[in-house]
Amino acid sequence: MNYYFLLFLIGCLTSRATGQTLKPDSSFQQLARNQAVRAYEQDLREQAHVYEGNEYIAHDHRIKIHPFFGVDSLLSCTIVYRGAQYSDIKMLYDVVRDQLAIQPPGGGFRLRPRNDYVASFIMGQHQFIRIVGDSAAGVPTGFYEILHNGRIKALARRVKVIHEDISSGKFQADYLVKDRFFVVKDGVYYEVKSKRSLLQVFPEQAKVLRKFMRSNSLKFNDEKREEAISQVTNRYEDLLK
C-alpha cells in the first residue's frame, strides 16, 4: 500500500476544493477518514511481520573485506516472508552464516529473520530461493541463487568461509569464496564442479554441448564457471524442444 497516497487521501477528506459552495458532510468525512487510518494502521501491522527476529550480530571487525553477498551496503530488496511479499526492504545477505540482516525503517539494530519463514528474496538482478536439502545427498538446506529457471534448473549456493592466518604472530583473517553449483534434473540434484561433471548430467547430448562450449569460448575457471553452467543448461533445454 502507498502510505503517501493514504495520507493524501486523508488530507483530501478533511478539506474541500477551492470554489465549491456545497457544505461538507462532516459525518461522511469522519467515517472515510477513520477507514483510511484503519487501513493504514493495518498495513503497518502486516508489514511489521517481516521485521520479526533476533538481533543480527556483526562479524569480527578485524576480518578483511565483508561477509555479505555482492556489497556491504544495504539494498532495497523484495522478500517473501511467511507467505506474504514485501517490497523495498532494506537488507543484506550474510553468505558466511546464510542469514539475512534486515534494517527496520526506524533505524536501530539489524534483525535476523527466521530462515524457515523466508521462501525467496530478490537483490537487484539476483533471485534466491530457500531449499530444504538432503544432507545425506550433500545438498545443504539454505538459500540458493537461481542461475537458470526452466525444466532444468541451475543453482548457486553462495559460500564464504573465514580463513585465519596467525603465522605473523598476530591475528589476520579474510573471507574465501567457496561457491557451490548444482543442476536439478528430474528432481535430482547434481553438484557441478567441473566441465566433465556438468556434461555427465546430460550424457545423451554431451557431444553437442561440448561443441557448444568450444564455439562460445565457455571457460570453467572460477570467474566463468557459473556463466558456463547457466548457458549449457539453457542450451540443453533448447535441444529438448
C-alpha atoms as a PDB file:
ATOM      1  CA  MET A   1       0.000   0.000   0.000  1.00  0.00           C
ATOM      2  CA  ASN A   2       1.223   3.508  -0.815  1.00  0.00           C
ATOM      3  CA  TYR A   3       1.344   5.335   2.509  1.00  0.00           C
ATOM      4  CA  TYR A   4       1.778   8.745   0.908  1.00  0.00           C
ATOM      5  CA  PHE A   5      -1.383   8.196  -1.112  1.00  0.00           C
ATOM      6  CA  LEU A   6      -3.263   7.320   2.047  1.00  0.00           C
ATOM      7  CA  LEU A   7      -2.052  10.452   3.804  1.00  0.00           C
ATOM      8  CA  PHE A   8      -3.034  12.471   0.748  1.00  0.00           C
ATOM      9  CA  LEU A   9      -6.467  10.838   0.785  1.00  0.00           C
ATOM     10  CA  ILE A  10      -6.939  11.657   4.449  1.00  0.00           C
ATOM     11  CA  GLY A  11      -5.993  15.260   3.756  1.00  0.00           C
ATOM     12  CA  CYS A  12      -8.447  15.479   0.885  1.00  0.00           C
ATOM     13  CA  LEU A  13     -11.239  14.155   3.052  1.00  0.00           C
ATOM     14  CA  THR A  14     -10.702  16.881   5.637  1.00  0.00           C
ATOM     15  CA  SER A  15     -10.851  19.765   3.204  1.00  0.00           C
ATOM     16  CA  ARG A  16     -12.896  20.848   0.179  1.00  0.00           C
ATOM     17  CA  ALA A  17     -11.608  22.095  -3.148  1.00  0.00           C
ATOM     18  CA  THR A  18     -11.499  25.845  -3.702  1.00  0.00           C
ATOM     19  CA  GLY A  19     -14.627  27.213  -5.438  1.00  0.00           C
ATOM     20  CA  GLN A  20     -17.057  24.614  -4.045  1.00  0.00           C
ATOM     21  CA  THR A  21     -20.185  26.062  -2.441  1.00  0.00           C
ATOM     22  CA  LEU A  22     -21.638  22.825  -1.085  1.00  0.00           C
ATOM     23  CA  LYS A  23     -21.396  22.410   2.667  1.00  0.00           C
ATOM     24  CA  PRO A  24     -19.229  19.393   3.515  1.00  0.00           C
ATOM     25  CA  ASP A  25     -20.862  16.372   5.123  1.00  0.00           C
ATOM     26  CA  SER A  26     -18.742  16.132   8.274  1.00  0.00           C
ATOM     27  CA  SER A  27     -20.077  12.686   9.262  1.00  0.00           C
ATOM     28  CA  PHE A  28     -19.113  11.208   5.875  1.00  0.00           C
ATOM     29  CA  GLN A  29     -15.676  12.807   6.044  1.00  0.00           C
ATOM     30  CA  GLN A  30     -15.062  11.452   9.530  1.00  0.00           C
ATOM     31  CA  LEU A  31     -16.138   7.943   8.515  1.00  0.00           C
ATOM     32  CA  ALA A  32     -13.941   7.932   5.415  1.00  0.00           C
ATOM     33  CA  ARG A  33     -11.013   9.361   7.374  1.00  0.00           C
ATOM     34  CA  ASN A  34     -11.343   6.674  10.057  1.00  0.00           C
ATOM     35  CA  GLN A  35     -11.470   3.936   7.427  1.00  0.00           C
ATOM     36  CA  ALA A  36      -8.333   5.251   5.718  1.00  0.00           C
ATOM     37  CA  VAL A  37      -6.479   5.461   9.022  1.00  0.00           C
ATOM     38  CA  ARG A  38      -7.507   1.923   9.961  1.00  0.00           C
ATOM     39  CA  ALA A  39      -6.320   0.632   6.574  1.00  0.00           C
ATOM     40  CA  TYR A  40      -3.014   2.445   7.034  1.00  0.00           C
ATOM     41  CA  GLU A  41      -2.525   1.021  10.541  1.00  0.00           C
ATOM     42  CA  GLN A  42      -3.455  -2.492   9.363  1.00  0.00           C
ATOM     43  CA  ASP A  43      -0.901  -2.305   6.574  1.00  0.00           C
ATOM     44  CA  LEU A  44       1.738  -1.211   9.061  1.00  0.00           C
ATOM     45  CA  ARG A  45       0.947  -4.190  11.293  1.00  0.00           C
ATOM     46  CA  GLU A  46       1.181  -6.587   8.349  1.00  0.00           C
ATOM     47  CA  GLN A  47       4.430  -5.003   7.184  1.00  0.00           C
ATOM     48  CA  ALA A  48       5.828  -5.394  10.703  1.00  0.00           C
ATOM     49  CA  HIS A  49       5.878  -9.206  10.321  1.00  0.00           C
ATOM     50  CA  VAL A  50       8.969  -9.006   8.168  1.00  0.00           C
ATOM     51  CA  TYR A  51      10.739  -7.118  10.962  1.00  0.00           C
ATOM     52  CA  GLU A  52      10.462 -10.034  13.369  1.00  0.00           C
ATOM     53  CA  GLY A  53      13.541 -11.860  14.584  1.00  0.00           C
ATOM     54  CA  ASN A  54      16.545 -11.651  16.836  1.00  0.00           C
ATOM     55  CA  GLU A  55      19.284  -9.070  16.624  1.00  0.00           C
ATOM     56  CA  TYR A  56      21.816  -9.643  13.870  1.00  0.00           C
ATOM     57  CA  ILE A  57      25.296  -9.855  15.391  1.00  0.00           C
ATOM     58  CA  ALA A  58      28.095  -8.385  13.287  1.00  0.00           C
ATOM     59  CA  HIS A  59      31.226 -10.358  12.461  1.00  0.00           C
ATOM     60  CA  ASP A  60      34.676  -9.715  13.900  1.00  0.00           C
ATOM     61  CA  HIS A  61      35.602  -6.266  12.594  1.00  0.00           C
ATOM     62  CA  ARG A  62      39.221  -7.367  12.173  1.00  0.00           C
ATOM     63  CA  ILE A  63      38.329  -9.671   9.280  1.00  0.00           C
ATOM     64  CA  LYS A  64      39.072  -8.112   5.922  1.00  0.00           C
ATOM     65  CA  ILE A  65      36.538  -7.438   3.187  1.00  0.00           C
ATOM     66  CA  HIS A  66      32.972  -8.366   4.259  1.00  0.00           C
ATOM     67  CA  PRO A  67      30.767 -11.455   4.708  1.00  0.00           C
ATOM     68  CA  PHE A  68      27.878 -10.320   2.501  1.00  0.00           C
ATOM     69  CA  PHE A  69      26.699 -11.165  -0.993  1.00  0.00           C
ATOM     70  CA  GLY A  70      27.698  -8.522  -3.517  1.00  0.00           C
ATOM     71  CA  VAL A  71      28.206  -5.359  -1.489  1.00  0.00           C
ATOM     72  CA  ASP A  72      28.268  -4.458   2.194  1.00  0.00           C
ATOM     73  CA  SER A  73      25.743  -1.610   1.914  1.00  0.00           C
ATOM     74  CA  LEU A  74      22.004  -2.005   2.440  1.00  0.00           C
ATOM     75  CA  LEU A  75      19.981  -2.829  -0.674  1.00  0.00           C
ATOM     76  CA  SER A  76      16.267  -2.372  -1.359  1.00  0.00           C
ATOM     77  CA  CYS A  77      15.001  -5.919  -1.784  1.00  0.00           C
ATOM     78  CA  THR A  78      11.825  -7.896  -2.292  1.00  0.00           C
ATOM     79  CA  ILE A  79      11.235 -10.774   0.117  1.00  0.00           C
ATOM     80  CA  VAL A  80       8.547 -13.426   0.508  1.00  0.00           C
ATOM     81  CA  TYR A  81       8.211 -13.931   4.259  1.00  0.00           C
ATOM     82  CA  ARG A  82       5.606 -16.135   5.943  1.00  0.00           C
ATOM     83  CA  GLY A  83       3.721 -16.340   2.668  1.00  0.00           C
ATOM     84  CA  ALA A  84       3.494 -12.573   2.078  1.00  0.00           C
ATOM     85  CA  GLN A  85       5.570 -10.493  -0.325  1.00  0.00           C
ATOM     86  CA  TYR A  86       7.237  -7.307   0.910  1.00  0.00           C
ATOM     87  CA  SER A  87       8.971  -4.739  -1.280  1.00  0.00           C
ATOM     88  CA  ASP A  88      11.599  -2.097  -0.613  1.00  0.00           C
ATOM     89  CA  ILE A  89      13.018  -3.947   2.392  1.00  0.00           C
ATOM     90  CA  LYS A  90      16.496  -2.707   3.301  1.00  0.00           C
ATOM     91  CA  MET A  91      18.723  -5.675   3.953  1.00  0.00           C
ATOM     92  CA  LEU A  92      21.938  -7.619   3.376  1.00  0.00           C
ATOM     93  CA  TYR A  93      22.589 -11.314   2.779  1.00  0.00           C
ATOM     94  CA  ASP A  94      25.272 -12.727   5.076  1.00  0.00           C
ATOM     95  CA  VAL A  95      26.768 -15.508   2.963  1.00  0.00           C
ATOM     96  CA  VAL A  96      29.043 -16.819   5.731  1.00  0.00           C
ATOM     97  CA  ARG A  97      26.117 -17.579   8.054  1.00  0.00           C
ATOM     98  CA  ASP A  98      23.450 -17.971   5.358  1.00  0.00           C
ATOM     99  CA  GLN A  99      21.368 -15.311   7.111  1.00  0.00           C
ATOM    100  CA  LEU A 100      19.533 -12.138   6.177  1.00  0.00           C
ATOM    101  CA  ALA A 101      20.202  -8.905   8.038  1.00  0.00           C
ATOM    102  CA  ILE A 102      17.178  -6.581   7.801  1.00  0.00           C
ATOM    103  CA  GLN A 103      17.239  -2.913   8.765  1.00  0.00           C
ATOM    104  CA  PRO A 104      13.948  -1.685  10.307  1.00  0.00           C
ATOM    105  CA  PRO A 105      12.660   1.598   8.836  1.00  0.00           C
ATOM    106  CA  GLY A 106      13.088   3.441  12.144  1.00  0.00           C
ATOM    107  CA  GLY A 107      16.773   2.580  12.402  1.00  0.00           C
ATOM    108  CA  GLY A 108      18.323   0.730  15.324  1.00  0.00           C
ATOM    109  CA  PHE A 109      19.998  -2.652  15.216  1.00  0.00           C
ATOM    110  CA  ARG A 110      19.537  -5.006  12.293  1.00  0.00           C
ATOM    111  CA  LEU A 111      17.300  -8.039  12.626  1.00  0.00           C
ATOM    112  CA  ARG A 112      17.837 -11.668  11.687  1.00  0.00           C
ATOM    113  CA  PRO A 113      14.539 -13.211  10.494  1.00  0.00           C
ATOM    114  CA  ARG A 114      13.918 -16.932  10.726  1.00  0.00           C
ATOM    115  CA  ASN A 115      15.270 -18.644   7.623  1.00  0.00           C
ATOM    116  CA  ASP A 116      12.427 -21.150   7.508  1.00  0.00           C
ATOM    117  CA  TYR A 117       9.938 -18.283   7.141  1.00  0.00           C
ATOM    118  CA  VAL A 118      11.788 -16.900   4.088  1.00  0.00           C
ATOM    119  CA  ALA A 119      10.638 -18.547   0.843  1.00  0.00           C
ATOM    120  CA  SER A 120      12.607 -16.291  -1.510  1.00  0.00           C
ATOM    121  CA  PHE A 121      14.153 -12.865  -1.964  1.00  0.00           C
ATOM    122  CA  ILE A 122      15.437 -10.692  -4.786  1.00  0.00           C
ATOM    123  CA  MET A 123      18.526  -8.486  -4.544  1.00  0.00           C
ATOM    124  CA  GLY A 124      18.906  -6.407  -7.689  1.00  0.00           C
ATOM    125  CA  GLN A 125      19.078  -8.881 -10.578  1.00  0.00           C
ATOM    126  CA  HIS A 126      19.735 -11.838  -8.282  1.00  0.00           C
ATOM    127  CA  GLN A 127      16.895 -14.118  -7.192  1.00  0.00           C
ATOM    128  CA  PHE A 128      17.292 -16.525  -4.286  1.00  0.00           C
ATOM    129  CA  ILE A 129      15.049 -19.325  -3.079  1.00  0.00           C
ATOM    130  CA  ARG A 130      15.211 -21.388   0.080  1.00  0.00           C
ATOM    131  CA  ILE A 131      15.608 -25.116  -0.467  1.00  0.00           C
ATOM    132  CA  VAL A 132      15.170 -27.821   2.134  1.00  0.00           C
ATOM    133  CA  GLY A 133      18.039 -30.031   1.149  1.00  0.00           C
ATOM    134  CA  ASP A 134      19.246 -33.525   1.852  1.00  0.00           C
ATOM    135  CA  SER A 135      22.415 -33.714   3.913  1.00  0.00           C
ATOM    136  CA  ALA A 136      22.893 -37.374   3.013  1.00  0.00           C
ATOM    137  CA  ALA A 137      22.999 -36.378  -0.665  1.00  0.00           C
ATOM    138  CA  GLY A 138      25.338 -33.472   0.039  1.00  0.00           C
ATOM    139  CA  VAL A 139      22.702 -30.800  -0.579  1.00  0.00           C
ATOM    140  CA  PRO A 140      22.537 -28.437   2.408  1.00  0.00           C
ATOM    141  CA  THR A 141      19.358 -26.627   3.379  1.00  0.00           C
ATOM    142  CA  GLY A 142      19.562 -22.902   2.732  1.00  0.00           C
ATOM    143  CA  PHE A 143      19.375 -20.127   0.168  1.00  0.00           C
ATOM    144  CA  TYR A 144      20.300 -20.749  -3.467  1.00  0.00           C
ATOM    145  CA  GLU A 145      20.592 -18.264  -6.312  1.00  0.00           C
ATOM    146  CA  ILE A 146      18.717 -19.231  -9.470  1.00  0.00           C
ATOM    147  CA  LEU A 147      21.061 -19.112 -12.452  1.00  0.00           C
ATOM    148  CA  HIS A 148      18.644 -20.783 -14.866  1.00  0.00           C
ATOM    149  CA  ASN A 149      14.994 -21.458 -14.145  1.00  0.00           C
ATOM    150  CA  GLY A 150      13.272 -23.869 -16.507  1.00  0.00           C
ATOM    151  CA  ARG A 151      12.513 -27.569 -16.707  1.00  0.00           C
ATOM    152  CA  ILE A 152      16.154 -27.943 -15.745  1.00  0.00           C
ATOM    153  CA  LYS A 153      17.419 -25.607 -13.020  1.00  0.00           C
ATOM    154  CA  ALA A 154      20.899 -24.309 -12.395  1.00  0.00           C
ATOM    155  CA  LEU A 155      21.548 -23.086  -8.866  1.00  0.00           C
ATOM    156  CA  ALA A 156      24.403 -21.452  -7.000  1.00  0.00           C
ATOM    157  CA  ARG A 157      24.947 -21.986  -3.306  1.00  0.00           C
ATOM    158  CA  ARG A 158      26.854 -18.869  -2.239  1.00  0.00           C
ATOM    159  CA  VAL A 159      29.536 -19.709   0.310  1.00  0.00           C
ATOM    160  CA  LYS A 160      32.206 -17.709   2.100  1.00  0.00           C
ATOM    161  CA  VAL A 161      34.479 -19.223   4.744  1.00  0.00           C
ATOM    162  CA  ILE A 162      36.729 -17.489   7.225  1.00  0.00           C
ATOM    163  CA  HIS A 163      40.425 -18.015   6.594  1.00  0.00           C
ATOM    164  CA  GLU A 164      42.659 -17.198   9.546  1.00  0.00           C
ATOM    165  CA  ASP A 165      46.412 -16.624   9.453  1.00  0.00           C
ATOM    166  CA  ILE A 166      48.457 -16.285  12.647  1.00  0.00           C
ATOM    167  CA  SER A 167      51.825 -17.065  11.095  1.00  0.00           C
ATOM    168  CA  SER A 168      52.950 -13.481  11.659  1.00  0.00           C
ATOM    169  CA  GLY A 169      52.183 -13.726  15.365  1.00  0.00           C
ATOM    170  CA  LYS A 170      49.051 -11.592  15.155  1.00  0.00           C
ATOM    171  CA  PHE A 171      45.502 -12.295  14.108  1.00  0.00           C
ATOM    172  CA  GLN A 172      44.784 -11.866  10.408  1.00  0.00           C
ATOM    173  CA  ALA A 173      41.738 -13.161   8.577  1.00  0.00           C
ATOM    174  CA  ASP A 174      39.704 -12.739   5.416  1.00  0.00           C
ATOM    175  CA  TYR A 175      36.831 -14.458   3.620  1.00  0.00           C
ATOM    176  CA  LEU A 176      37.384 -17.027   0.906  1.00  0.00           C
ATOM    177  CA  VAL A 177      34.686 -17.590  -1.719  1.00  0.00           C
ATOM    178  CA  LYS A 178      33.745 -21.280  -1.981  1.00  0.00           C
ATOM    179  CA  ASP A 179      30.577 -21.180  -4.076  1.00  0.00           C
ATOM    180  CA  ARG A 180      28.930 -24.485  -4.988  1.00  0.00           C
ATOM    181  CA  PHE A 181      26.843 -25.161  -8.094  1.00  0.00           C
ATOM    182  CA  PHE A 182      24.014 -27.592  -8.721  1.00  0.00           C
ATOM    183  CA  VAL A 183      21.913 -28.661 -11.669  1.00  0.00           C
ATOM    184  CA  VAL A 184      18.456 -30.038 -10.862  1.00  0.00           C
ATOM    185  CA  LYS A 185      17.215 -32.545 -13.427  1.00  0.00           C
ATOM    186  CA  ASP A 186      14.136 -34.729 -12.933  1.00  0.00           C
ATOM    187  CA  GLY A 187      14.103 -33.771  -9.264  1.00  0.00           C
ATOM    188  CA  VAL A 188      17.684 -34.928  -8.682  1.00  0.00           C
ATOM    189  CA  TYR A 189      20.416 -32.524  -7.542  1.00  0.00           C
ATOM    190  CA  TYR A 190      23.766 -32.897  -9.297  1.00  0.00           C
ATOM    191  CA  GLU A 191      26.688 -30.939  -7.932  1.00  0.00           C
ATOM    192  CA  VAL A 192      28.799 -29.485 -10.722  1.00  0.00           C
ATOM    193  CA  LYS A 193      32.488 -28.988 -10.000  1.00  0.00           C
ATOM    194  CA  SER A 194      33.996 -29.279 -13.472  1.00  0.00           C
ATOM    195  CA  LYS A 195      33.155 -29.305 -17.156  1.00  0.00           C
ATOM    196  CA  ARG A 196      33.192 -33.094 -17.070  1.00  0.00           C
ATOM    197  CA  SER A 197      30.714 -33.303 -14.171  1.00  0.00           C
ATOM    198  CA  LEU A 198      28.409 -30.854 -15.978  1.00  0.00           C
ATOM    199  CA  LEU A 199      28.397 -32.893 -19.184  1.00  0.00           C
ATOM    200  CA  GLN A 200      27.726 -36.060 -17.176  1.00  0.00           C
ATOM    201  CA  VAL A 201      24.356 -34.574 -16.186  1.00  0.00           C
ATOM    202  CA  PHE A 202      23.400 -34.537 -19.892  1.00  0.00           C
ATOM    203  CA  PRO A 203      25.093 -37.658 -21.299  1.00  0.00           C
ATOM    204  CA  GLU A 204      22.794 -38.003 -24.316  1.00  0.00           C
ATOM    205  CA  GLN A 205      23.789 -34.526 -25.539  1.00  0.00           C
ATOM    206  CA  ALA A 206      27.362 -34.418 -24.228  1.00  0.00           C
ATOM    207  CA  LYS A 207      28.960 -34.271 -27.681  1.00  0.00           C
ATOM    208  CA  VAL A 208      26.717 -31.419 -28.868  1.00  0.00           C
ATOM    209  CA  LEU A 209      27.175 -29.484 -25.622  1.00  0.00           C
ATOM    210  CA  ARG A 210      30.939 -29.884 -25.689  1.00  0.00           C
ATOM    211  CA  LYS A 211      30.979 -28.370 -29.183  1.00  0.00           C
ATOM    212  CA  PHE A 212      28.669 -25.580 -27.952  1.00  0.00           C
ATOM    213  CA  MET A 213      31.106 -24.734 -25.157  1.00  0.00           C
ATOM    214  CA  ARG A 214      34.050 -24.595 -27.548  1.00  0.00           C
ATOM    215  CA  SER A 215      32.271 -22.439 -30.122  1.00  0.00           C
ATOM    216  CA  ASN A 216      31.155 -19.989 -27.421  1.00  0.00           C
ATOM    217  CA  SER A 217      34.509 -19.978 -25.596  1.00  0.00           C
ATOM    218  CA  LEU A 218      32.849 -21.015 -22.332  1.00  0.00           C
ATOM    219  CA  LYS A 219      35.510 -21.465 -19.683  1.00  0.00           C
ATOM    220  CA  PHE A 220      35.251 -23.356 -16.430  1.00  0.00           C
ATOM    221  CA  ASN A 221      37.584 -21.270 -14.308  1.00  0.00           C
ATOM    222  CA  ASP A 222      36.434 -19.597 -11.079  1.00  0.00           C
ATOM    223  CA  GLU A 223      35.294 -16.397 -12.796  1.00  0.00           C
ATOM    224  CA  LYS A 224      33.369 -18.047 -15.655  1.00  0.00           C
ATOM    225  CA  ARG A 225      32.047 -21.272 -14.123  1.00  0.00           C
ATOM    226  CA  GLU A 226      28.525 -20.109 -13.302  1.00  0.00           C
ATOM    227  CA  GLU A 227      28.088 -18.480 -16.716  1.00  0.00           C
ATOM    228  CA  ALA A 228      29.115 -21.732 -18.384  1.00  0.00           C
ATOM    229  CA  ILE A 229      26.734 -23.779 -16.231  1.00  0.00           C
ATOM    230  CA  SER A 230      23.848 -21.419 -16.959  1.00  0.00           C
ATOM    231  CA  GLN A 231      24.426 -21.315 -20.721  1.00  0.00           C
ATOM    232  CA  VAL A 232      24.952 -25.064 -21.095  1.00  0.00           C
ATOM    233  CA  THR A 233      21.799 -25.786 -19.082  1.00  0.00           C
ATOM    234  CA  ASN A 234      19.844 -23.359 -21.249  1.00  0.00           C
ATOM    235  CA  ARG A 235      21.264 -24.921 -24.420  1.00  0.00           C
ATOM    236  CA  TYR A 236      20.300 -28.403 -23.234  1.00  0.00           C
ATOM    237  CA  GLU A 237      16.710 -27.262 -22.750  1.00  0.00           C
ATOM    238  CA  ASP A 238      16.702 -25.837 -26.270  1.00  0.00           C
ATOM    239  CA  LEU A 239      17.738 -29.261 -27.570  1.00  0.00           C
ATOM    240  CA  LEU A 240      14.738 -30.831 -25.828  1.00  0.00           C
ATOM    241  CA  LYS A 241      12.243 -28.703 -27.756  1.00  0.00           C
END
